[in-house]
Amino acid sequence: MSEISRIFPLENRALEPLWREVLGSRLRALRTDRDETLARTAERAGISPQYLSEVERGRKEPSSEMIAALAGALDVTVADLMAAAAQDLRRGTGTFAAVTKFGTSTEVARPSGPVALAMAA
């Protein structure tokens, strides 16, 4: 359980996913729909495959320049990429919050950091 969930309990409500998680998921879907490898997409975007993998897994928060490079490498506009990610966020697609049982109560695993603080405020 994260520190944030102890400080700001949200009565077993799952938090919305972080934007970087939704964006990463959308990027991975676009790449796999094209049957393209991490290495090929990363090469066209001018980044390392390892960094692209971390972005797709929601571990890294790419800059606006990096988002533009990735959108270009995947032949989509930044506007279309952002709109699709926003739709994913509205639909709540993907599993972004894990639910863990502790004894008789259920705790929702929450992200930590400034985004979690802002969401809990």
Protein backbone atom coordinates (compact mmCIF):
# COMPACT_ATOMS: atom_id res chain seq x y z
CA MET A 1 0.00 0.00 0.00
CA SER A 2 1.37 3.41 -0.90
CA GLU A 3 1.94 6.22 1.55
CA ILE A 4 -0.71 8.28 -0.20
CA SER A 5 -3.42 5.68 0.40
CA ARG A 6 -2.68 5.82 4.13
CA ILE A 7 -2.75 9.61 4.20
CA PHE A 8 -5.72 10.13 1.86
CA PRO A 9 -8.00 7.06 2.01
CA LEU A 10 -10.72 7.20 -0.63
CA GLU A 11 -13.15 4.71 0.85
CA ASN A 12 -12.24 1.80 -1.45
CA ARG A 13 -12.70 3.86 -4.60
CA ALA A 14 -10.20 3.08 -7.33
CA LEU A 15 -8.31 6.12 -8.50
CA GLU A 16 -8.27 7.03 -12.14
CA PRO A 17 -5.17 5.88 -13.95
CA LEU A 18 -2.30 8.27 -14.46
CA TRP A 19 -2.20 10.02 -17.83
CA ARG A 20 1.17 8.43 -18.62
CA GLU A 21 -0.35 4.98 -18.11
CA VAL A 22 -3.25 5.68 -20.46
CA LEU A 23 -1.00 7.32 -23.05
CA GLY A 24 1.47 4.43 -22.87
CA SER A 25 -1.30 1.91 -23.33
CA ARG A 26 -2.60 3.83 -26.36
CA LEU A 27 0.90 4.01 -27.87
CA ARG A 28 1.39 0.27 -27.41
CA ALA A 29 -1.99 -0.44 -29.02
CA LEU A 30 -1.11 1.71 -32.03
CA ARG A 31 2.27 0.03 -32.39
CA THR A 32 0.94 -3.52 -32.09
CA ASP A 33 -1.95 -2.77 -34.47
CA ARG A 34 0.75 -1.99 -37.03
CA ASP A 35 2.58 -5.27 -36.21
CA GLU A 36 5.64 -3.21 -35.46
CA THR A 37 8.46 -3.98 -33.07
CA LEU A 38 9.58 -1.71 -30.26
CA ALA A 39 12.93 -1.36 -32.00
CA ARG A 40 11.43 -0.20 -35.31
CA THR A 41 9.08 2.37 -33.75
CA ALA A 42 11.79 3.62 -31.41
CA GLU A 43 14.22 4.01 -34.31
CA ARG A 44 11.76 6.13 -36.28
CA ALA A 45 11.01 8.24 -33.19
CA GLY A 46 14.70 8.69 -32.42
CA ILE A 47 14.61 7.04 -28.99
CA SER A 48 15.87 3.79 -27.50
CA PRO A 49 13.64 0.70 -27.47
CA GLN A 50 14.11 0.53 -23.69
CA TYR A 51 12.76 4.06 -23.25
CA LEU A 52 9.79 3.32 -25.53
CA SER A 53 9.05 0.21 -23.49
CA GLU A 54 9.04 2.25 -20.28
CA VAL A 55 6.75 4.85 -21.86
CA GLU A 56 4.34 2.14 -23.04
CA ARG A 57 4.26 0.61 -19.55
CA GLY A 58 3.49 3.99 -17.98
CA ARG A 59 6.82 4.11 -16.15
CA LYS A 60 8.13 7.25 -17.87
CA GLU A 61 6.33 10.50 -18.54
CA PRO A 62 7.38 11.63 -22.02
CA SER A 63 7.87 15.30 -22.88
CA SER A 64 5.63 16.97 -25.44
CA GLU A 65 8.49 16.71 -27.96
CA MET A 66 8.76 12.98 -27.31
CA ILE A 67 5.00 12.53 -27.68
CA ALA A 68 5.15 14.35 -31.02
CA ALA A 69 8.04 12.13 -32.16
CA LEU A 70 6.16 8.98 -31.17
CA ALA A 71 2.96 10.15 -32.83
CA GLY A 72 4.90 10.86 -36.02
CA ALA A 73 6.60 7.47 -35.87
CA LEU A 74 3.16 5.85 -35.62
CA ASP A 75 1.67 8.00 -38.42
CA VAL A 76 -0.91 9.72 -36.23
CA THR A 77 -1.29 13.34 -35.24
CA VAL A 78 -0.66 14.43 -31.68
CA ALA A 79 -4.28 15.63 -31.55
CA ASP A 80 -5.60 12.22 -32.61
CA LEU A 81 -3.30 10.44 -30.16
CA MET A 82 -4.42 12.65 -27.28
CA ALA A 83 -8.09 12.37 -28.23
CA ALA A 84 -7.87 8.57 -28.32
CA ALA A 85 -6.09 8.48 -24.96
CA ALA A 86 -8.72 10.80 -23.48
CA GLN A 87 -11.47 8.47 -24.76
CA ASP A 88 -9.66 5.53 -23.14
CA LEU A 89 -9.52 7.45 -19.88
CA ARG A 90 -13.25 8.26 -20.04
CA ARG A 91 -14.11 4.63 -20.72
CA GLY A 92 -11.79 3.42 -18.00
CA THR A 93 -10.19 0.89 -20.32
CA GLY A 94 -7.37 -1.25 -19.05
CA THR A 95 -6.60 -2.32 -15.54
CA PHE A 96 -4.66 0.43 -13.87
CA ALA A 97 -5.46 -0.04 -10.18
CA ALA A 98 -4.85 -3.29 -8.37
CA VAL A 99 -7.10 -4.38 -5.54
CA THR A 100 -5.38 -6.23 -2.72
CA LYS A 101 -6.94 -7.99 0.27
CA PHE A 102 -5.46 -7.33 3.71
CA GLY A 103 -7.19 -9.45 6.31
CA THR A 104 -10.88 -8.67 6.19
CA SER A 105 -10.61 -5.30 4.44
CA THR A 106 -9.93 -4.54 0.81
CA GLU A 107 -7.35 -1.89 -0.01
CA VAL A 108 -6.96 -0.29 -3.43
CA ALA A 109 -3.37 0.12 -4.55
CA ARG A 110 -2.91 3.78 -5.44
CA PRO A 111 -0.26 5.61 -7.37
CA SER A 112 2.13 7.72 -5.38
CA GLY A 113 3.65 11.10 -6.09
CA PRO A 114 2.28 14.52 -6.96
CA VAL A 115 -0.49 13.19 -9.21
CA ALA A 116 -1.87 11.05 -6.43
CA LEU A 117 -1.75 14.02 -4.07
CA ALA A 118 -3.65 16.14 -6.57
CA MET A 119 -6.22 13.42 -7.16
CA ALA A 120 -6.76 12.96 -3.43
CA ALA A 121 -7.17 16.67 -2.75
